[in-house]
Each structure stands twice: as C-alpha cells, then as structure tokens.
Amino acid sequence: MTFAVTLEYDPTDPKIDEYRPLHRTYLGGLRDAGKLVLSGPFAGNVGGLVVYEAPSLEEVQALVDADPFTIHGVTKKHTIRQWTIVVNATKSGPV
C-alpha cells in the first residue's frame, strides 16, 4: 500500500539544518530498501511530503517515529493518509 505523509515544522527552527543530513540519509536507506517512493520539502521550509510503500499504517507510523526529524523534535505534526497512485511517469491506471 502507498501512504502519503505530510510533515509540518517551524521554518525558523535551527534544528532543521542540524538534522537534515541525518533525515536525508535515513530516507535514502528507506529508498534503497524499497519503502520510500519520493520525498521533498515544501517551499518556505514549512514541512515536507514523504510517500512510503508499506503493508500497513502501523509500519508507516513506525517509519515516521524512527525518522531523525521526529526523534529530534523537528517535526511538530504529521499526517498519514493511504494514497492511491493513478498516474505517474512510469505507470498509469484508469483515469
């Protein structure tokens, strides 16, 4: 199943720059393990979007909980939603 996770954080928090390298290394490992579809920050450094492939909501919550941005308090709020990809650059389904 695919899950879209929105992360929210304070753009003035100095911990963003401090922990971003660890956050990106963590996400890179998830990508290599086939659990991450895509990720990136929103304009204005107010948060980001991470799309995961996982068998359950509980696993996605565990992945979010293990993220350095969560561990170190950068992420102030997150929302997890199951998401269906209908069209992307590499595959498409019925529109």
N, C-alpha and C. Protein backbone atom coordinates (compact mmCIF):
# COMPACT_ATOMS: atom_id res chain seq x y z
N MET A 1 0.84 -1.17 0.00
CA MET A 1 0.00 0.00 0.00
C MET A 1 0.88 1.24 0.00
N THR A 2 0.36 2.29 -0.56
CA THR A 2 1.08 3.56 -0.62
C THR A 2 0.48 4.52 0.38
N PHE A 3 1.35 5.25 1.09
CA PHE A 3 0.93 6.22 2.08
C PHE A 3 1.64 7.54 1.84
N ALA A 4 0.88 8.63 1.87
CA ALA A 4 1.45 9.97 1.79
C ALA A 4 1.49 10.55 3.20
N VAL A 5 2.65 11.06 3.57
CA VAL A 5 2.83 11.64 4.89
C VAL A 5 3.24 13.09 4.74
N THR A 6 2.47 13.99 5.31
CA THR A 6 2.86 15.39 5.34
C THR A 6 3.49 15.67 6.70
N LEU A 7 4.62 16.35 6.66
CA LEU A 7 5.33 16.76 7.86
C LEU A 7 5.22 18.27 7.99
N GLU A 8 5.04 18.75 9.20
CA GLU A 8 5.00 20.19 9.43
C GLU A 8 6.08 20.54 10.43
N TYR A 9 6.82 21.62 10.14
CA TYR A 9 7.79 22.12 11.11
C TYR A 9 7.94 23.62 11.00
N ASP A 10 8.55 24.20 12.02
CA ASP A 10 8.75 25.65 12.11
C ASP A 10 9.94 26.02 11.25
N PRO A 11 9.74 26.86 10.22
CA PRO A 11 10.84 27.19 9.31
C PRO A 11 11.99 27.94 9.97
N THR A 12 11.77 28.46 11.17
CA THR A 12 12.84 29.18 11.87
C THR A 12 13.62 28.28 12.83
N ASP A 13 13.23 27.03 12.94
CA ASP A 13 13.88 26.10 13.87
C ASP A 13 15.28 25.75 13.37
N PRO A 14 16.34 26.09 14.14
CA PRO A 14 17.70 25.78 13.69
C PRO A 14 17.99 24.28 13.62
N LYS A 15 17.15 23.46 14.27
CA LYS A 15 17.35 22.02 14.21
C LYS A 15 17.11 21.46 12.81
N ILE A 16 16.38 22.20 11.96
CA ILE A 16 16.15 21.72 10.59
C ILE A 16 17.48 21.50 9.89
N ASP A 17 18.32 22.52 9.88
CA ASP A 17 19.63 22.41 9.22
C ASP A 17 20.54 21.41 9.93
N GLU A 18 20.43 21.35 11.25
CA GLU A 18 21.28 20.44 12.02
C GLU A 18 20.97 18.97 11.71
N TYR A 19 19.69 18.63 11.61
CA TYR A 19 19.30 17.22 11.45
C TYR A 19 18.91 16.83 10.02
N ARG A 20 18.88 17.79 9.10
CA ARG A 20 18.51 17.45 7.71
C ARG A 20 19.43 16.38 7.10
N PRO A 21 20.76 16.45 7.30
CA PRO A 21 21.60 15.38 6.72
C PRO A 21 21.23 13.99 7.25
N LEU A 22 20.96 13.86 8.54
CA LEU A 22 20.56 12.56 9.10
C LEU A 22 19.20 12.13 8.55
N HIS A 23 18.28 13.07 8.44
CA HIS A 23 16.94 12.81 7.89
C HIS A 23 17.06 12.28 6.46
N ARG A 24 17.88 12.94 5.65
CA ARG A 24 18.01 12.52 4.25
C ARG A 24 18.74 11.19 4.13
N THR A 25 19.71 10.93 4.98
CA THR A 25 20.39 9.63 4.99
C THR A 25 19.40 8.53 5.36
N TYR A 26 18.57 8.80 6.36
CA TYR A 26 17.53 7.85 6.77
C TYR A 26 16.58 7.54 5.62
N LEU A 27 16.10 8.60 4.96
CA LEU A 27 15.18 8.40 3.84
C LEU A 27 15.86 7.67 2.68
N GLY A 28 17.14 7.95 2.45
CA GLY A 28 17.87 7.25 1.40
C GLY A 28 17.94 5.75 1.67
N GLY A 29 18.11 5.39 2.94
CA GLY A 29 18.11 3.97 3.31
C GLY A 29 16.76 3.33 3.06
N LEU A 30 15.68 4.07 3.35
CA LEU A 30 14.34 3.54 3.09
C LEU A 30 14.10 3.39 1.59
N ARG A 31 14.62 4.34 0.81
CA ARG A 31 14.51 4.24 -0.66
C ARG A 31 15.22 2.97 -1.13
N ASP A 32 16.42 2.75 -0.63
CA ASP A 32 17.20 1.58 -1.04
C ASP A 32 16.52 0.28 -0.62
N ALA A 33 15.74 0.32 0.45
CA ALA A 33 15.02 -0.86 0.94
C ALA A 33 13.66 -1.03 0.25
N GLY A 34 13.32 -0.11 -0.66
CA GLY A 34 12.06 -0.21 -1.39
C GLY A 34 10.85 0.30 -0.62
N LYS A 35 11.08 1.05 0.47
CA LYS A 35 9.97 1.55 1.28
C LYS A 35 9.63 3.01 1.00
N LEU A 36 10.49 3.74 0.30
CA LEU A 36 10.26 5.15 0.01
C LEU A 36 10.02 5.35 -1.47
N VAL A 37 8.93 6.04 -1.81
CA VAL A 37 8.60 6.34 -3.21
C VAL A 37 9.22 7.67 -3.60
N LEU A 38 9.00 8.69 -2.79
CA LEU A 38 9.54 10.02 -3.06
C LEU A 38 9.47 10.85 -1.78
N SER A 39 10.23 11.94 -1.76
CA SER A 39 10.19 12.86 -0.63
C SER A 39 10.74 14.21 -1.04
N GLY A 40 10.38 15.22 -0.28
CA GLY A 40 10.93 16.55 -0.51
C GLY A 40 10.25 17.60 0.32
N PRO A 41 10.93 18.73 0.53
CA PRO A 41 10.37 19.81 1.35
C PRO A 41 9.40 20.67 0.55
N PHE A 42 8.49 21.30 1.29
CA PHE A 42 7.61 22.31 0.71
C PHE A 42 8.36 23.63 0.63
N ALA A 43 7.94 24.50 -0.29
CA ALA A 43 8.52 25.84 -0.38
C ALA A 43 8.34 26.55 0.96
N GLY A 44 9.31 27.35 1.30
CA GLY A 44 9.24 28.10 2.54
C GLY A 44 9.72 27.31 3.74
N ASN A 45 10.17 26.07 3.51
CA ASN A 45 10.74 25.25 4.58
C ASN A 45 9.77 25.05 5.75
N VAL A 46 8.48 24.91 5.42
CA VAL A 46 7.45 24.75 6.46
C VAL A 46 7.09 23.29 6.71
N GLY A 47 7.68 22.39 5.97
CA GLY A 47 7.38 20.97 6.10
C GLY A 47 7.75 20.24 4.83
N GLY A 48 7.23 19.03 4.71
CA GLY A 48 7.56 18.25 3.53
C GLY A 48 6.56 17.13 3.31
N LEU A 49 6.79 16.43 2.23
CA LEU A 49 5.96 15.29 1.84
C LEU A 49 6.87 14.08 1.69
N VAL A 50 6.44 12.96 2.28
CA VAL A 50 7.15 11.69 2.12
C VAL A 50 6.11 10.66 1.72
N VAL A 51 6.39 9.91 0.67
CA VAL A 51 5.48 8.87 0.20
C VAL A 51 6.16 7.52 0.41
N TYR A 52 5.50 6.67 1.17
CA TYR A 52 6.03 5.36 1.53
C TYR A 52 5.24 4.24 0.87
N GLU A 53 5.90 3.11 0.67
CA GLU A 53 5.26 1.84 0.33
C GLU A 53 5.42 0.95 1.56
N ALA A 54 4.30 0.49 2.11
CA ALA A 54 4.36 -0.35 3.31
C ALA A 54 3.08 -1.17 3.39
N PRO A 55 3.12 -2.31 4.10
CA PRO A 55 1.94 -3.15 4.19
C PRO A 55 0.86 -2.64 5.13
N SER A 56 1.19 -1.64 6.00
CA SER A 56 0.19 -1.19 6.96
C SER A 56 0.48 0.23 7.45
N LEU A 57 -0.56 0.85 7.96
CA LEU A 57 -0.43 2.16 8.59
C LEU A 57 0.53 2.10 9.78
N GLU A 58 0.47 1.01 10.52
CA GLU A 58 1.34 0.86 11.69
C GLU A 58 2.82 0.88 11.30
N GLU A 59 3.15 0.24 10.18
CA GLU A 59 4.55 0.26 9.74
C GLU A 59 4.97 1.66 9.34
N VAL A 60 4.09 2.38 8.65
CA VAL A 60 4.42 3.75 8.27
C VAL A 60 4.62 4.60 9.52
N GLN A 61 3.76 4.44 10.51
CA GLN A 61 3.92 5.20 11.76
C GLN A 61 5.27 4.88 12.40
N ALA A 62 5.66 3.62 12.37
CA ALA A 62 6.97 3.24 12.92
C ALA A 62 8.11 3.89 12.13
N LEU A 63 7.97 3.97 10.79
CA LEU A 63 9.00 4.62 9.97
C LEU A 63 9.09 6.10 10.28
N VAL A 64 7.95 6.76 10.45
CA VAL A 64 7.93 8.19 10.82
C VAL A 64 8.55 8.37 12.20
N ASP A 65 8.21 7.50 13.14
CA ASP A 65 8.74 7.60 14.50
C ASP A 65 10.25 7.44 14.55
N ALA A 66 10.82 6.66 13.61
CA ALA A 66 12.26 6.41 13.58
C ALA A 66 13.03 7.47 12.81
N ASP A 67 12.34 8.40 12.17
CA ASP A 67 12.98 9.46 11.39
C ASP A 67 13.70 10.43 12.33
N PRO A 68 14.94 10.79 12.02
CA PRO A 68 15.65 11.75 12.87
C PRO A 68 14.91 13.07 13.05
N PHE A 69 14.11 13.50 12.08
CA PHE A 69 13.33 14.72 12.25
C PHE A 69 12.29 14.55 13.37
N THR A 70 11.74 13.35 13.52
CA THR A 70 10.79 13.08 14.59
C THR A 70 11.53 12.92 15.92
N ILE A 71 12.57 12.13 15.91
CA ILE A 71 13.33 11.85 17.13
C ILE A 71 13.84 13.14 17.78
N HIS A 72 14.32 14.07 16.97
CA HIS A 72 14.93 15.30 17.49
C HIS A 72 13.97 16.48 17.55
N GLY A 73 12.67 16.23 17.35
CA GLY A 73 11.67 17.26 17.55
C GLY A 73 11.55 18.30 16.45
N VAL A 74 12.12 18.03 15.28
CA VAL A 74 11.97 18.97 14.16
C VAL A 74 10.53 18.94 13.67
N THR A 75 10.00 17.75 13.45
CA THR A 75 8.62 17.60 13.00
C THR A 75 7.69 17.91 14.17
N LYS A 76 6.85 18.91 13.98
CA LYS A 76 5.90 19.32 15.02
C LYS A 76 4.58 18.57 14.88
N LYS A 77 4.24 18.19 13.65
CA LYS A 77 2.99 17.48 13.38
C LYS A 77 3.16 16.70 12.09
N HIS A 78 2.51 15.55 12.02
CA HIS A 78 2.50 14.80 10.76
C HIS A 78 1.11 14.19 10.55
N THR A 79 0.79 13.98 9.29
CA THR A 79 -0.47 13.35 8.92
C THR A 79 -0.16 12.23 7.94
N ILE A 80 -0.71 11.06 8.21
CA ILE A 80 -0.52 9.90 7.34
C ILE A 80 -1.86 9.58 6.68
N ARG A 81 -1.81 9.44 5.36
CA ARG A 81 -3.02 9.06 4.62
C ARG A 81 -2.66 7.97 3.61
N GLN A 82 -3.49 6.92 3.55
CA GLN A 82 -3.31 5.95 2.49
C GLN A 82 -3.62 6.66 1.18
N TRP A 83 -2.83 6.36 0.15
CA TRP A 83 -2.91 7.11 -1.10
C TRP A 83 -2.85 6.13 -2.26
N THR A 84 -3.65 6.38 -3.29
CA THR A 84 -3.63 5.56 -4.50
C THR A 84 -3.01 6.36 -5.63
N ILE A 85 -1.91 5.87 -6.16
CA ILE A 85 -1.30 6.50 -7.32
C ILE A 85 -2.05 6.03 -8.55
N VAL A 86 -2.61 6.95 -9.30
CA VAL A 86 -3.37 6.60 -10.51
C VAL A 86 -2.49 6.81 -11.74
N VAL A 87 -1.79 7.93 -11.81
CA VAL A 87 -0.93 8.22 -12.95
C VAL A 87 0.38 8.76 -12.42
N ASN A 88 1.48 8.23 -12.94
CA ASN A 88 2.80 8.82 -12.68
C ASN A 88 3.64 8.64 -13.94
N ALA A 89 4.90 9.00 -13.86
CA ALA A 89 5.75 9.00 -15.04
C ALA A 89 6.09 7.59 -15.52
N THR A 90 5.94 6.58 -14.67
CA THR A 90 6.36 5.25 -15.07
C THR A 90 5.23 4.24 -15.23
N LYS A 91 4.05 4.56 -14.69
CA LYS A 91 2.92 3.63 -14.85
C LYS A 91 1.65 4.43 -14.79
N SER A 92 0.60 3.88 -15.33
CA SER A 92 -0.69 4.56 -15.21
C SER A 92 -1.81 3.52 -15.11
N GLY A 93 -2.83 3.92 -14.45
CA GLY A 93 -4.02 3.09 -14.33
C GLY A 93 -5.18 3.85 -14.95
N PRO A 94 -6.38 3.40 -14.69
CA PRO A 94 -7.54 4.09 -15.25
C PRO A 94 -7.64 5.50 -14.70
N VAL A 95 -7.95 6.44 -15.56
CA VAL A 95 -8.09 7.83 -15.13
C VAL A 95 -9.54 8.17 -14.93
